[in-house]
Amino acid sequence: MLIQCLEGVAIKDIAQKYDVRSNTVITLRDRFEQKGLEALYDCARSGRPPTYGESFRAQVLATLEDDPPEGYAQWDGPLVARHLGVSEHAVWRLLRKDPSTGLRTP
């Protein structure tokens, strides 16, 4: 796209060729004018904020350090989730990211 901009090809023709909006071509061209080759790299994006933060991780890990409730030999994902009042999926996502917990993931 940038080479075609430098060659004088119309923005709308470039956008049509690459199946993007004209604003996309203009934004890339302007970024290149301001930043040079650095403009070819993606900009940092904030992304979706985490639903469960470090305090949630700490709660789960602290729970795993405690003895399981009476009648249970060990903690598992659903049991931790019920104990903390959170979704099982949230617990399993955390445990998959932190395999040092020793729990088996489904």
N, C-alpha and C. Protein backbone atom coordinates (compact mmCIF):
# COMPACT_ATOMS: atom_id res chain seq x y z
N MET A 1 0.83 -1.19 0.00
CA MET A 1 0.00 0.00 0.00
C MET A 1 0.87 1.25 0.00
N LEU A 2 1.91 1.22 0.83
CA LEU A 2 2.76 2.41 0.92
C LEU A 2 3.48 2.69 -0.40
N ILE A 3 3.95 1.64 -1.04
CA ILE A 3 4.65 1.83 -2.31
C ILE A 3 3.70 2.44 -3.33
N GLN A 4 2.47 1.96 -3.35
CA GLN A 4 1.50 2.50 -4.29
C GLN A 4 1.17 3.96 -3.96
N CYS A 5 1.13 4.30 -2.66
CA CYS A 5 0.92 5.70 -2.29
C CYS A 5 2.06 6.56 -2.83
N LEU A 6 3.29 6.06 -2.67
CA LEU A 6 4.45 6.80 -3.16
C LEU A 6 4.47 6.92 -4.68
N GLU A 7 3.88 5.93 -5.35
CA GLU A 7 3.81 5.97 -6.81
C GLU A 7 2.67 6.86 -7.31
N GLY A 8 1.86 7.36 -6.40
CA GLY A 8 0.79 8.27 -6.78
C GLY A 8 -0.53 7.62 -7.13
N VAL A 9 -0.69 6.35 -6.81
CA VAL A 9 -1.95 5.65 -7.06
C VAL A 9 -3.01 6.25 -6.14
N ALA A 10 -4.21 6.40 -6.64
CA ALA A 10 -5.30 6.99 -5.86
C ALA A 10 -5.64 6.13 -4.64
N ILE A 11 -5.92 6.79 -3.54
CA ILE A 11 -6.24 6.11 -2.27
C ILE A 11 -7.39 5.13 -2.46
N LYS A 12 -8.44 5.56 -3.15
CA LYS A 12 -9.60 4.68 -3.32
C LYS A 12 -9.26 3.43 -4.12
N ASP A 13 -8.33 3.55 -5.07
CA ASP A 13 -7.92 2.39 -5.86
C ASP A 13 -7.09 1.42 -5.02
N ILE A 14 -6.24 1.96 -4.18
CA ILE A 14 -5.44 1.11 -3.28
C ILE A 14 -6.36 0.38 -2.31
N ALA A 15 -7.30 1.13 -1.73
CA ALA A 15 -8.24 0.54 -0.78
C ALA A 15 -9.05 -0.57 -1.44
N GLN A 16 -9.49 -0.36 -2.63
CA GLN A 16 -10.29 -1.36 -3.34
C GLN A 16 -9.45 -2.60 -3.64
N LYS A 17 -8.21 -2.40 -4.04
CA LYS A 17 -7.33 -3.52 -4.38
C LYS A 17 -7.10 -4.42 -3.17
N TYR A 18 -6.91 -3.83 -1.99
CA TYR A 18 -6.60 -4.61 -0.79
C TYR A 18 -7.81 -4.87 0.08
N ASP A 19 -8.98 -4.48 -0.42
CA ASP A 19 -10.24 -4.72 0.28
C ASP A 19 -10.22 -4.14 1.70
N VAL A 20 -9.81 -2.87 1.79
CA VAL A 20 -9.83 -2.14 3.05
C VAL A 20 -10.52 -0.80 2.80
N ARG A 21 -10.80 -0.09 3.88
CA ARG A 21 -11.41 1.23 3.74
C ARG A 21 -10.34 2.24 3.38
N SER A 22 -10.75 3.29 2.74
CA SER A 22 -9.82 4.36 2.36
C SER A 22 -9.13 4.93 3.59
N ASN A 23 -9.87 5.04 4.70
CA ASN A 23 -9.28 5.56 5.94
C ASN A 23 -8.10 4.72 6.42
N THR A 24 -8.15 3.41 6.16
CA THR A 24 -7.06 2.53 6.55
C THR A 24 -5.79 2.88 5.78
N VAL A 25 -5.93 3.12 4.51
CA VAL A 25 -4.79 3.49 3.67
C VAL A 25 -4.24 4.85 4.11
N ILE A 26 -5.13 5.78 4.36
CA ILE A 26 -4.71 7.12 4.79
C ILE A 26 -4.00 7.06 6.13
N THR A 27 -4.53 6.28 7.07
CA THR A 27 -3.90 6.15 8.38
C THR A 27 -2.50 5.56 8.26
N LEU A 28 -2.36 4.52 7.45
CA LEU A 28 -1.05 3.91 7.26
C LEU A 28 -0.08 4.89 6.61
N ARG A 29 -0.55 5.61 5.60
CA ARG A 29 0.29 6.60 4.93
C ARG A 29 0.75 7.69 5.89
N ASP A 30 -0.18 8.19 6.71
CA ASP A 30 0.16 9.24 7.67
C ASP A 30 1.13 8.73 8.74
N ARG A 31 0.90 7.52 9.20
CA ARG A 31 1.83 6.94 10.19
C ARG A 31 3.22 6.80 9.59
N PHE A 32 3.29 6.41 8.33
CA PHE A 32 4.59 6.25 7.68
C PHE A 32 5.29 7.60 7.54
N GLU A 33 4.53 8.63 7.22
CA GLU A 33 5.12 9.98 7.11
C GLU A 33 5.68 10.44 8.46
N GLN A 34 5.02 10.07 9.55
CA GLN A 34 5.45 10.52 10.87
C GLN A 34 6.54 9.64 11.47
N LYS A 35 6.46 8.32 11.27
CA LYS A 35 7.34 7.40 11.98
C LYS A 35 8.32 6.64 11.10
N GLY A 36 8.19 6.75 9.80
CA GLY A 36 9.08 6.00 8.91
C GLY A 36 8.77 4.52 8.96
N LEU A 37 9.83 3.69 8.91
CA LEU A 37 9.63 2.24 8.88
C LEU A 37 8.97 1.69 10.14
N GLU A 38 9.08 2.39 11.24
CA GLU A 38 8.44 1.96 12.48
C GLU A 38 6.92 1.86 12.31
N ALA A 39 6.37 2.59 11.38
CA ALA A 39 4.93 2.57 11.13
C ALA A 39 4.45 1.23 10.60
N LEU A 40 5.36 0.41 10.11
CA LEU A 40 4.97 -0.89 9.56
C LEU A 40 4.59 -1.88 10.66
N TYR A 41 5.02 -1.62 11.88
CA TYR A 41 4.70 -2.50 13.00
C TYR A 41 3.37 -2.10 13.61
N ASP A 42 2.66 -3.10 14.12
CA ASP A 42 1.37 -2.82 14.77
C ASP A 42 1.57 -1.91 15.99
N CYS A 43 0.60 -1.05 16.20
CA CYS A 43 0.60 -0.22 17.40
C CYS A 43 0.14 -1.07 18.58
N ALA A 44 0.56 -0.71 19.77
CA ALA A 44 0.11 -1.41 20.97
C ALA A 44 -1.38 -1.17 21.15
N ARG A 45 -2.06 -2.19 21.59
CA ARG A 45 -3.51 -2.08 21.82
C ARG A 45 -3.79 -2.42 23.27
N SER A 46 -4.76 -1.77 23.82
CA SER A 46 -5.06 -1.99 25.23
C SER A 46 -5.68 -3.37 25.45
N GLY A 47 -6.49 -3.82 24.55
CA GLY A 47 -7.14 -5.12 24.72
C GLY A 47 -8.21 -5.07 25.78
N ARG A 48 -8.84 -6.18 25.94
CA ARG A 48 -9.91 -6.28 26.93
C ARG A 48 -9.30 -6.37 28.33
N PRO A 49 -9.82 -5.60 29.27
CA PRO A 49 -9.26 -5.68 30.62
C PRO A 49 -9.55 -7.04 31.24
N PRO A 50 -8.62 -7.55 32.04
CA PRO A 50 -8.85 -8.86 32.64
C PRO A 50 -10.04 -8.83 33.60
N THR A 51 -10.83 -9.90 33.55
CA THR A 51 -11.99 -10.00 34.43
C THR A 51 -11.55 -10.33 35.84
N TYR A 52 -10.59 -11.24 35.93
CA TYR A 52 -10.06 -11.65 37.23
C TYR A 52 -8.59 -11.27 37.27
N GLY A 53 -8.20 -10.54 38.28
CA GLY A 53 -6.84 -10.05 38.37
C GLY A 53 -5.96 -10.89 39.28
N GLU A 54 -4.91 -10.26 39.73
CA GLU A 54 -3.92 -10.92 40.58
C GLU A 54 -4.52 -11.35 41.92
N SER A 55 -5.49 -10.59 42.43
CA SER A 55 -6.10 -10.97 43.71
C SER A 55 -6.87 -12.28 43.57
N PHE A 56 -7.51 -12.48 42.41
CA PHE A 56 -8.23 -13.74 42.17
C PHE A 56 -7.24 -14.90 42.14
N ARG A 57 -6.12 -14.70 41.46
CA ARG A 57 -5.08 -15.74 41.41
C ARG A 57 -4.61 -16.08 42.82
N ALA A 58 -4.38 -15.05 43.62
CA ALA A 58 -3.92 -15.26 44.99
C ALA A 58 -4.96 -16.04 45.80
N GLN A 59 -6.25 -15.73 45.60
CA GLN A 59 -7.31 -16.44 46.33
C GLN A 59 -7.34 -17.92 45.95
N VAL A 60 -7.22 -18.18 44.64
CA VAL A 60 -7.25 -19.58 44.19
C VAL A 60 -6.05 -20.33 44.75
N LEU A 61 -4.88 -19.74 44.66
CA LEU A 61 -3.68 -20.43 45.15
C LEU A 61 -3.72 -20.61 46.66
N ALA A 62 -4.26 -19.63 47.38
CA ALA A 62 -4.38 -19.78 48.83
C ALA A 62 -5.37 -20.89 49.17
N THR A 63 -6.45 -20.99 48.41
CA THR A 63 -7.43 -22.04 48.63
C THR A 63 -6.80 -23.42 48.45
N LEU A 64 -5.96 -23.53 47.42
CA LEU A 64 -5.31 -24.81 47.15
C LEU A 64 -4.33 -25.21 48.25
N GLU A 65 -3.84 -24.23 48.98
CA GLU A 65 -2.93 -24.51 50.10
C GLU A 65 -3.68 -25.03 51.32
N ASP A 66 -4.96 -24.66 51.44
CA ASP A 66 -5.77 -25.11 52.56
C ASP A 66 -6.16 -26.58 52.36
N ASP A 67 -6.57 -27.20 53.45
CA ASP A 67 -7.10 -28.55 53.34
C ASP A 67 -8.45 -28.50 52.65
N PRO A 68 -8.77 -29.51 51.84
CA PRO A 68 -10.09 -29.51 51.19
C PRO A 68 -11.19 -29.73 52.22
N PRO A 69 -12.42 -29.42 51.87
CA PRO A 69 -13.53 -29.62 52.81
C PRO A 69 -13.65 -31.10 53.21
N GLU A 70 -14.29 -31.30 54.33
CA GLU A 70 -14.48 -32.67 54.80
C GLU A 70 -15.22 -33.49 53.75
N GLY A 71 -14.73 -34.69 53.54
CA GLY A 71 -15.34 -35.57 52.55
C GLY A 71 -14.63 -35.53 51.21
N TYR A 72 -13.66 -34.65 51.06
CA TYR A 72 -12.91 -34.55 49.81
C TYR A 72 -11.44 -34.83 50.09
N ALA A 73 -10.81 -35.58 49.20
CA ALA A 73 -9.39 -35.91 49.37
C ALA A 73 -8.50 -34.77 48.87
N GLN A 74 -8.96 -34.07 47.84
CA GLN A 74 -8.16 -32.98 47.28
C GLN A 74 -9.08 -31.98 46.60
N TRP A 75 -8.53 -30.80 46.33
CA TRP A 75 -9.27 -29.76 45.63
C TRP A 75 -9.34 -30.10 44.14
N ASP A 76 -10.43 -29.73 43.50
CA ASP A 76 -10.51 -29.75 42.05
C ASP A 76 -11.14 -28.44 41.61
N GLY A 77 -11.19 -28.21 40.31
CA GLY A 77 -11.69 -26.94 39.78
C GLY A 77 -13.08 -26.57 40.26
N PRO A 78 -14.05 -27.46 40.10
CA PRO A 78 -15.41 -27.13 40.54
C PRO A 78 -15.51 -26.85 42.04
N LEU A 79 -14.75 -27.58 42.82
CA LEU A 79 -14.78 -27.38 44.27
C LEU A 79 -14.20 -26.02 44.65
N VAL A 80 -13.10 -25.64 44.02
CA VAL A 80 -12.50 -24.32 44.26
C VAL A 80 -13.48 -23.23 43.85
N ALA A 81 -14.13 -23.42 42.70
CA ALA A 81 -15.09 -22.42 42.20
C ALA A 81 -16.24 -22.23 43.18
N ARG A 82 -16.79 -23.33 43.68
CA ARG A 82 -17.89 -23.22 44.65
C ARG A 82 -17.43 -22.54 45.93
N HIS A 83 -16.25 -22.90 46.38
CA HIS A 83 -15.71 -22.32 47.60
C HIS A 83 -15.54 -20.80 47.48
N LEU A 84 -15.09 -20.34 46.30
CA LEU A 84 -14.85 -18.90 46.10
C LEU A 84 -16.06 -18.16 45.54
N GLY A 85 -17.06 -18.91 45.10
CA GLY A 85 -18.25 -18.28 44.53
C GLY A 85 -18.01 -17.67 43.16
N VAL A 86 -17.19 -18.34 42.35
CA VAL A 86 -16.88 -17.87 41.00
C VAL A 86 -17.19 -18.99 40.01
N SER A 87 -17.05 -18.69 38.74
CA SER A 87 -17.34 -19.72 37.73
C SER A 87 -16.21 -20.74 37.64
N GLU A 88 -16.60 -21.96 37.33
CA GLU A 88 -15.61 -23.03 37.14
C GLU A 88 -14.66 -22.67 36.00
N HIS A 89 -15.21 -22.03 34.96
CA HIS A 89 -14.39 -21.68 33.79
C HIS A 89 -13.26 -20.72 34.18
N ALA A 90 -13.57 -19.78 35.06
CA ALA A 90 -12.55 -18.83 35.49
C ALA A 90 -11.43 -19.55 36.23
N VAL A 91 -11.81 -20.50 37.07
CA VAL A 91 -10.80 -21.27 37.82
C VAL A 91 -9.95 -22.08 36.85
N TRP A 92 -10.59 -22.78 35.91
CA TRP A 92 -9.84 -23.61 34.97
C TRP A 92 -8.93 -22.77 34.08
N ARG A 93 -9.41 -21.60 33.65
CA ARG A 93 -8.54 -20.73 32.83
C ARG A 93 -7.28 -20.36 33.61
N LEU A 94 -7.45 -20.02 34.87
CA LEU A 94 -6.31 -19.66 35.70
C LEU A 94 -5.37 -20.86 35.86
N LEU A 95 -5.94 -22.02 36.14
CA LEU A 95 -5.12 -23.20 36.38
C LEU A 95 -4.36 -23.63 35.12
N ARG A 96 -4.97 -23.43 33.97
CA ARG A 96 -4.26 -23.75 32.71
C ARG A 96 -3.08 -22.81 32.50
N LYS A 97 -3.24 -21.56 32.92
CA LYS A 97 -2.15 -20.60 32.78
C LYS A 97 -1.06 -20.83 33.82
N ASP A 98 -1.40 -21.43 34.93
CA ASP A 98 -0.46 -21.61 36.02
C ASP A 98 -0.38 -23.09 36.40
N PRO A 99 0.31 -23.90 35.57
CA PRO A 99 0.33 -25.33 35.80
C PRO A 99 1.07 -25.73 37.08
N SER A 100 1.77 -24.79 37.72
CA SER A 100 2.48 -25.12 38.95
C SER A 100 1.55 -25.49 40.09
N THR A 101 0.24 -25.28 39.89
CA THR A 101 -0.72 -25.60 40.94
C THR A 101 -0.87 -27.10 41.16
N GLY A 102 -0.52 -27.89 40.15
CA GLY A 102 -0.58 -29.35 40.31
C GLY A 102 -1.95 -29.94 40.04
N LEU A 103 -2.94 -29.13 39.74
CA LEU A 103 -4.26 -29.68 39.42
C LEU A 103 -4.29 -30.13 37.97
N ARG A 104 -5.02 -31.19 37.74
CA ARG A 104 -5.19 -31.67 36.36
C ARG A 104 -6.30 -30.85 35.72
N THR A 105 -6.09 -30.47 34.46
CA THR A 105 -7.13 -29.73 33.75
C THR A 105 -7.95 -30.71 32.93
N PRO A 106 -9.24 -30.42 32.75
CA PRO A 106 -10.09 -31.36 32.01
C PRO A 106 -9.73 -31.39 30.54
